[in-house]
Amino acid sequence: MVTDTVVKKDQNKILVSPVEFLSFADNKSESVLPNDMSIYLDLPKNIRVELGKTRMSLREILELEVNEVIELSKQAGESVDIFVDNELIAKGEVVVMDDKFGVRITDIVKITDLEKKIL
């Protein structure tokens, strides 16, 4: 039962009704995320392909010259890691297409947490 309260303000009477909110427990049956992924399809994501890693001192980096080769932790022809927003999602191989590098995906590493929640 909701009761109205009368508040006096500058000789005028104002009718004030209390607000009723639904409790969070009432909404447990509804999913927080929709089952339709289409709302996420246009979100921009950062994709990074990692060819390999190495560790060098600042002195070694400053001594680098043009045409110098930096040795990486992976062998030539070994698969590269593909990251989306810093999360490893796949492995692939480097390909060349019209003087540009690309990556052919060879293995999907894991389903992202977002997909797990939606599926």
N, C-alpha and C. Protein backbone atom coordinates (compact mmCIF):
# COMPACT_ATOMS: atom_id res chain seq x y z
N MET A 1 0.84 -1.18 0.00
CA MET A 1 0.00 0.00 0.00
C MET A 1 0.88 1.24 0.00
N VAL A 2 0.61 2.15 -0.93
CA VAL A 2 1.39 3.38 -1.04
C VAL A 2 0.52 4.51 -0.52
N THR A 3 1.10 5.27 0.39
CA THR A 3 0.36 6.42 0.93
C THR A 3 0.98 7.70 0.41
N ASP A 4 0.15 8.68 0.15
CA ASP A 4 0.62 9.98 -0.33
C ASP A 4 0.95 10.86 0.87
N THR A 5 1.94 11.71 0.68
CA THR A 5 2.35 12.64 1.72
C THR A 5 2.16 14.05 1.20
N VAL A 6 1.67 14.91 2.06
CA VAL A 6 1.49 16.31 1.67
C VAL A 6 2.62 17.11 2.28
N VAL A 7 3.33 17.86 1.43
CA VAL A 7 4.44 18.69 1.87
C VAL A 7 4.05 20.14 1.64
N LYS A 8 4.30 21.00 2.64
CA LYS A 8 3.97 22.41 2.51
C LYS A 8 5.20 23.14 2.00
N LYS A 9 5.02 23.89 0.92
CA LYS A 9 6.14 24.64 0.36
C LYS A 9 5.61 25.99 -0.09
N ASP A 10 6.04 27.03 0.54
CA ASP A 10 5.67 28.40 0.16
C ASP A 10 4.17 28.58 -0.04
N GLN A 11 3.43 28.20 0.91
CA GLN A 11 1.98 28.38 0.91
C GLN A 11 1.26 27.45 -0.08
N ASN A 12 2.01 26.66 -0.86
CA ASN A 12 1.39 25.72 -1.81
C ASN A 12 1.54 24.30 -1.26
N LYS A 13 0.55 23.51 -1.49
CA LYS A 13 0.63 22.12 -1.08
C LYS A 13 1.07 21.28 -2.27
N ILE A 14 2.05 20.42 -2.05
CA ILE A 14 2.56 19.54 -3.10
C ILE A 14 2.32 18.10 -2.66
N LEU A 15 1.77 17.31 -3.54
CA LEU A 15 1.50 15.92 -3.25
C LEU A 15 2.73 15.10 -3.65
N VAL A 16 3.31 14.37 -2.69
CA VAL A 16 4.51 13.58 -2.94
C VAL A 16 4.19 12.12 -2.69
N SER A 17 4.50 11.28 -3.65
CA SER A 17 4.29 9.84 -3.50
C SER A 17 5.64 9.15 -3.41
N PRO A 18 5.79 8.19 -2.51
CA PRO A 18 7.06 7.46 -2.43
C PRO A 18 7.27 6.61 -3.69
N VAL A 19 8.52 6.42 -4.05
CA VAL A 19 8.87 5.64 -5.23
C VAL A 19 9.07 4.19 -4.82
N GLU A 20 8.58 3.29 -5.65
CA GLU A 20 8.79 1.87 -5.41
C GLU A 20 9.70 1.32 -6.49
N PHE A 21 10.80 0.68 -6.08
CA PHE A 21 11.75 0.08 -7.01
C PHE A 21 11.60 -1.44 -6.97
N LEU A 22 11.82 -2.07 -8.12
CA LEU A 22 11.86 -3.52 -8.14
C LEU A 22 13.17 -3.97 -7.51
N SER A 23 13.14 -5.07 -6.81
CA SER A 23 14.39 -5.56 -6.23
C SER A 23 15.17 -6.30 -7.30
N PHE A 24 16.48 -6.36 -7.13
CA PHE A 24 17.34 -7.06 -8.09
C PHE A 24 17.03 -8.55 -8.11
N ALA A 25 16.58 -9.09 -7.02
CA ALA A 25 16.26 -10.51 -6.95
C ALA A 25 15.13 -10.88 -7.90
N ASP A 26 14.24 -9.94 -8.21
CA ASP A 26 13.13 -10.20 -9.11
C ASP A 26 13.57 -10.43 -10.54
N ASN A 27 14.77 -9.97 -10.92
CA ASN A 27 15.23 -10.06 -12.30
C ASN A 27 16.21 -11.21 -12.54
N LYS A 28 16.34 -12.15 -11.63
CA LYS A 28 17.32 -13.23 -11.78
C LYS A 28 17.04 -14.11 -12.99
N SER A 29 15.80 -14.23 -13.38
CA SER A 29 15.48 -15.11 -14.50
C SER A 29 15.92 -14.52 -15.84
N GLU A 30 16.09 -13.20 -15.92
CA GLU A 30 16.50 -12.56 -17.15
C GLU A 30 18.01 -12.58 -17.27
N SER A 31 18.49 -12.85 -18.47
CA SER A 31 19.92 -12.86 -18.74
C SER A 31 20.44 -11.43 -18.84
N VAL A 32 21.66 -11.21 -18.35
CA VAL A 32 22.26 -9.88 -18.42
C VAL A 32 22.66 -9.57 -19.86
N LEU A 33 23.20 -10.57 -20.57
CA LEU A 33 23.61 -10.38 -21.95
C LEU A 33 22.59 -11.01 -22.89
N PRO A 34 22.30 -10.35 -23.99
CA PRO A 34 21.36 -10.95 -24.94
C PRO A 34 22.01 -12.12 -25.67
N ASN A 35 21.19 -13.04 -26.19
CA ASN A 35 21.71 -14.19 -26.91
C ASN A 35 22.11 -13.82 -28.34
N ASP A 36 21.88 -12.60 -28.75
CA ASP A 36 22.17 -12.15 -30.10
C ASP A 36 23.50 -11.39 -30.09
N MET A 37 24.52 -11.93 -30.73
CA MET A 37 25.84 -11.29 -30.76
C MET A 37 25.91 -10.13 -31.74
N SER A 38 24.86 -9.90 -32.52
CA SER A 38 24.92 -8.89 -33.56
C SER A 38 25.18 -7.48 -33.01
N ILE A 39 24.82 -7.22 -31.77
CA ILE A 39 25.07 -5.89 -31.20
C ILE A 39 26.56 -5.65 -30.96
N TYR A 40 27.37 -6.72 -30.94
CA TYR A 40 28.81 -6.60 -30.70
C TYR A 40 29.63 -6.58 -31.98
N LEU A 41 29.02 -6.87 -33.13
CA LEU A 41 29.77 -7.09 -34.36
C LEU A 41 30.52 -5.87 -34.85
N ASP A 42 30.07 -4.67 -34.56
CA ASP A 42 30.73 -3.46 -35.07
C ASP A 42 31.68 -2.82 -34.06
N LEU A 43 31.93 -3.47 -32.92
CA LEU A 43 32.87 -2.92 -31.95
C LEU A 43 34.29 -3.08 -32.47
N PRO A 44 35.07 -2.00 -32.47
CA PRO A 44 36.46 -2.12 -32.94
C PRO A 44 37.31 -2.88 -31.93
N LYS A 45 38.18 -3.75 -32.43
CA LYS A 45 39.08 -4.54 -31.59
C LYS A 45 40.50 -4.40 -32.09
N ASN A 46 41.47 -4.42 -31.19
CA ASN A 46 42.88 -4.39 -31.55
C ASN A 46 43.36 -5.81 -31.79
N ILE A 47 43.95 -6.03 -32.97
CA ILE A 47 44.51 -7.34 -33.30
C ILE A 47 46.02 -7.19 -33.40
N ARG A 48 46.73 -8.09 -32.74
CA ARG A 48 48.20 -8.07 -32.75
C ARG A 48 48.70 -9.45 -33.12
N VAL A 49 49.65 -9.51 -34.02
CA VAL A 49 50.28 -10.77 -34.39
C VAL A 49 51.71 -10.73 -33.89
N GLU A 50 52.08 -11.72 -33.12
CA GLU A 50 53.41 -11.74 -32.51
C GLU A 50 54.29 -12.74 -33.24
N LEU A 51 55.31 -12.23 -33.90
CA LEU A 51 56.25 -13.09 -34.63
C LEU A 51 57.24 -13.76 -33.69
N GLY A 52 57.53 -13.13 -32.60
CA GLY A 52 58.49 -13.67 -31.63
C GLY A 52 58.87 -12.59 -30.64
N LYS A 53 59.72 -12.96 -29.70
CA LYS A 53 60.15 -12.01 -28.66
C LYS A 53 61.65 -12.11 -28.48
N THR A 54 62.21 -11.08 -27.91
CA THR A 54 63.60 -11.11 -27.48
C THR A 54 63.77 -10.10 -26.36
N ARG A 55 64.86 -10.21 -25.67
CA ARG A 55 65.15 -9.27 -24.57
C ARG A 55 66.53 -8.68 -24.84
N MET A 56 66.58 -7.35 -24.80
CA MET A 56 67.84 -6.65 -25.05
C MET A 56 68.01 -5.54 -24.02
N SER A 57 69.27 -5.24 -23.73
CA SER A 57 69.53 -4.11 -22.83
C SER A 57 69.34 -2.81 -23.60
N LEU A 58 69.15 -1.74 -22.90
CA LEU A 58 68.99 -0.44 -23.54
C LEU A 58 70.23 -0.10 -24.36
N ARG A 59 71.40 -0.47 -23.86
CA ARG A 59 72.65 -0.21 -24.58
C ARG A 59 72.64 -0.92 -25.93
N GLU A 60 72.19 -2.20 -25.94
CA GLU A 60 72.14 -2.96 -27.20
C GLU A 60 71.14 -2.34 -28.18
N ILE A 61 70.03 -1.88 -27.67
CA ILE A 61 69.02 -1.26 -28.54
C ILE A 61 69.56 0.03 -29.15
N LEU A 62 70.23 0.84 -28.36
CA LEU A 62 70.77 2.11 -28.86
C LEU A 62 71.91 1.89 -29.86
N GLU A 63 72.55 0.74 -29.81
CA GLU A 63 73.66 0.44 -30.73
C GLU A 63 73.18 -0.19 -32.05
N LEU A 64 71.88 -0.42 -32.19
CA LEU A 64 71.36 -1.02 -33.42
C LEU A 64 71.60 -0.10 -34.62
N GLU A 65 71.89 -0.71 -35.77
CA GLU A 65 72.12 0.05 -36.99
C GLU A 65 71.17 -0.44 -38.08
N VAL A 66 71.06 0.31 -39.15
CA VAL A 66 70.23 -0.05 -40.29
C VAL A 66 70.71 -1.40 -40.85
N ASN A 67 69.78 -2.26 -41.22
CA ASN A 67 70.03 -3.59 -41.79
C ASN A 67 70.51 -4.61 -40.77
N GLU A 68 70.52 -4.26 -39.51
CA GLU A 68 70.91 -5.22 -38.48
C GLU A 68 69.74 -6.16 -38.20
N VAL A 69 70.03 -7.41 -37.91
CA VAL A 69 69.01 -8.43 -37.66
C VAL A 69 68.88 -8.66 -36.17
N ILE A 70 67.64 -8.67 -35.69
CA ILE A 70 67.37 -8.97 -34.28
C ILE A 70 66.85 -10.40 -34.23
N GLU A 71 67.50 -11.22 -33.46
CA GLU A 71 67.10 -12.63 -33.34
C GLU A 71 65.89 -12.73 -32.40
N LEU A 72 64.85 -13.44 -32.86
CA LEU A 72 63.63 -13.62 -32.06
C LEU A 72 63.58 -15.01 -31.48
N SER A 73 62.64 -15.23 -30.57
CA SER A 73 62.54 -16.50 -29.85
C SER A 73 61.97 -17.63 -30.69
N LYS A 74 61.38 -17.34 -31.85
CA LYS A 74 60.77 -18.38 -32.67
C LYS A 74 61.62 -18.67 -33.89
N GLN A 75 61.48 -19.89 -34.41
CA GLN A 75 62.19 -20.31 -35.61
C GLN A 75 61.44 -19.82 -36.85
N ALA A 76 62.14 -19.67 -37.96
CA ALA A 76 61.50 -19.30 -39.22
C ALA A 76 60.51 -20.40 -39.60
N GLY A 77 59.32 -20.00 -40.03
CA GLY A 77 58.29 -20.97 -40.41
C GLY A 77 57.43 -21.46 -39.26
N GLU A 78 57.80 -21.11 -38.05
CA GLU A 78 57.00 -21.50 -36.88
C GLU A 78 55.72 -20.66 -36.84
N SER A 79 54.67 -21.19 -36.23
CA SER A 79 53.40 -20.46 -36.19
C SER A 79 53.52 -19.18 -35.37
N VAL A 80 52.68 -18.20 -35.70
CA VAL A 80 52.66 -16.93 -34.99
C VAL A 80 51.42 -16.89 -34.11
N ASP A 81 51.49 -16.10 -33.04
CA ASP A 81 50.37 -15.96 -32.11
C ASP A 81 49.53 -14.76 -32.53
N ILE A 82 48.19 -14.91 -32.47
CA ILE A 82 47.25 -13.85 -32.83
C ILE A 82 46.48 -13.47 -31.57
N PHE A 83 46.57 -12.19 -31.21
CA PHE A 83 45.93 -11.67 -30.01
C PHE A 83 44.82 -10.70 -30.40
N VAL A 84 43.70 -10.74 -29.69
CA VAL A 84 42.65 -9.74 -29.81
C VAL A 84 42.50 -9.10 -28.44
N ASP A 85 42.73 -7.79 -28.39
CA ASP A 85 42.72 -7.06 -27.12
C ASP A 85 43.57 -7.77 -26.05
N ASN A 86 44.78 -8.12 -26.43
CA ASN A 86 45.78 -8.75 -25.55
C ASN A 86 45.39 -10.14 -25.06
N GLU A 87 44.45 -10.79 -25.70
CA GLU A 87 44.07 -12.15 -25.33
C GLU A 87 44.39 -13.08 -26.50
N LEU A 88 45.19 -14.11 -26.24
CA LEU A 88 45.56 -15.06 -27.29
C LEU A 88 44.33 -15.81 -27.75
N ILE A 89 44.00 -15.70 -29.04
CA ILE A 89 42.81 -16.37 -29.54
C ILE A 89 43.10 -17.39 -30.64
N ALA A 90 44.26 -17.26 -31.31
CA ALA A 90 44.53 -18.16 -32.43
C ALA A 90 46.01 -18.22 -32.73
N LYS A 91 46.35 -19.20 -33.57
CA LYS A 91 47.70 -19.32 -34.12
C LYS A 91 47.56 -19.31 -35.62
N GLY A 92 48.60 -18.87 -36.29
CA GLY A 92 48.53 -18.79 -37.74
C GLY A 92 49.89 -18.82 -38.37
N GLU A 93 49.91 -18.66 -39.70
CA GLU A 93 51.16 -18.62 -40.44
C GLU A 93 51.19 -17.35 -41.27
N VAL A 94 52.39 -16.80 -41.43
CA VAL A 94 52.56 -15.56 -42.18
C VAL A 94 52.46 -15.86 -43.67
N VAL A 95 51.71 -15.02 -44.40
CA VAL A 95 51.60 -15.13 -45.85
C VAL A 95 51.88 -13.76 -46.46
N VAL A 96 52.26 -13.76 -47.74
CA VAL A 96 52.52 -12.51 -48.44
C VAL A 96 51.46 -12.37 -49.53
N MET A 97 50.80 -11.20 -49.54
CA MET A 97 49.75 -10.92 -50.53
C MET A 97 50.03 -9.55 -51.13
N ASP A 98 50.42 -9.50 -52.40
CA ASP A 98 50.68 -8.24 -53.10
C ASP A 98 51.61 -7.32 -52.31
N ASP A 99 52.76 -7.78 -51.97
CA ASP A 99 53.78 -7.00 -51.25
C ASP A 99 53.37 -6.62 -49.83
N LYS A 100 52.33 -7.24 -49.29
CA LYS A 100 51.92 -6.98 -47.90
C LYS A 100 51.89 -8.31 -47.16
N PHE A 101 52.15 -8.23 -45.87
CA PHE A 101 52.09 -9.42 -45.04
C PHE A 101 50.67 -9.64 -44.53
N GLY A 102 50.31 -10.87 -44.35
CA GLY A 102 49.03 -11.23 -43.77
C GLY A 102 49.24 -12.47 -42.91
N VAL A 103 48.18 -12.92 -42.27
CA VAL A 103 48.26 -14.12 -41.43
C VAL A 103 47.11 -15.04 -41.78
N ARG A 104 47.42 -16.29 -42.06
CA ARG A 104 46.39 -17.31 -42.28
C ARG A 104 46.19 -18.03 -40.95
N ILE A 105 44.95 -18.03 -40.46
CA ILE A 105 44.65 -18.67 -39.18
C ILE A 105 44.65 -20.18 -39.38
N THR A 106 45.43 -20.87 -38.55
CA THR A 106 45.53 -22.33 -38.64
C THR A 106 44.91 -23.04 -37.46
N ASP A 107 44.76 -22.33 -36.33
CA ASP A 107 44.23 -22.97 -35.13
C ASP A 107 43.58 -21.93 -34.22
N ILE A 108 42.35 -22.17 -33.79
CA ILE A 108 41.69 -21.30 -32.83
C ILE A 108 42.05 -21.83 -31.44
N VAL A 109 42.60 -20.96 -30.60
CA VAL A 109 43.09 -21.39 -29.30
C VAL A 109 41.97 -21.56 -28.29
N LYS A 110 41.09 -20.56 -28.18
CA LYS A 110 40.02 -20.66 -27.18
C LYS A 110 38.87 -19.74 -27.53
N ILE A 111 37.71 -20.06 -27.01
CA ILE A 111 36.55 -19.19 -27.15
C ILE A 111 36.65 -18.12 -26.07
N THR A 112 36.42 -16.88 -26.46
CA THR A 112 36.54 -15.78 -25.50
C THR A 112 35.46 -15.86 -24.43
N ASP A 113 35.69 -15.22 -23.32
CA ASP A 113 34.73 -15.20 -22.21
C ASP A 113 33.39 -14.63 -22.64
N LEU A 114 33.40 -13.63 -23.50
CA LEU A 114 32.14 -13.04 -23.97
C LEU A 114 31.31 -14.09 -24.71
N GLU A 115 31.95 -14.86 -25.59
CA GLU A 115 31.23 -15.90 -26.31
C GLU A 115 30.71 -16.97 -25.37
N LYS A 116 31.47 -17.31 -24.34
CA LYS A 116 31.01 -18.32 -23.35
C LYS A 116 29.75 -17.85 -22.66
N LYS A 117 29.69 -16.56 -22.31
CA LYS A 117 28.51 -16.04 -21.62
C LYS A 117 27.29 -16.03 -22.54
N ILE A 118 27.52 -15.70 -23.81
CA ILE A 118 26.40 -15.58 -24.74
C ILE A 118 25.90 -16.96 -25.18
N LEU A 119 26.82 -17.89 -25.42
CA LEU A 119 26.41 -19.22 -25.88
C LEU A 119 25.88 -19.97 -24.75
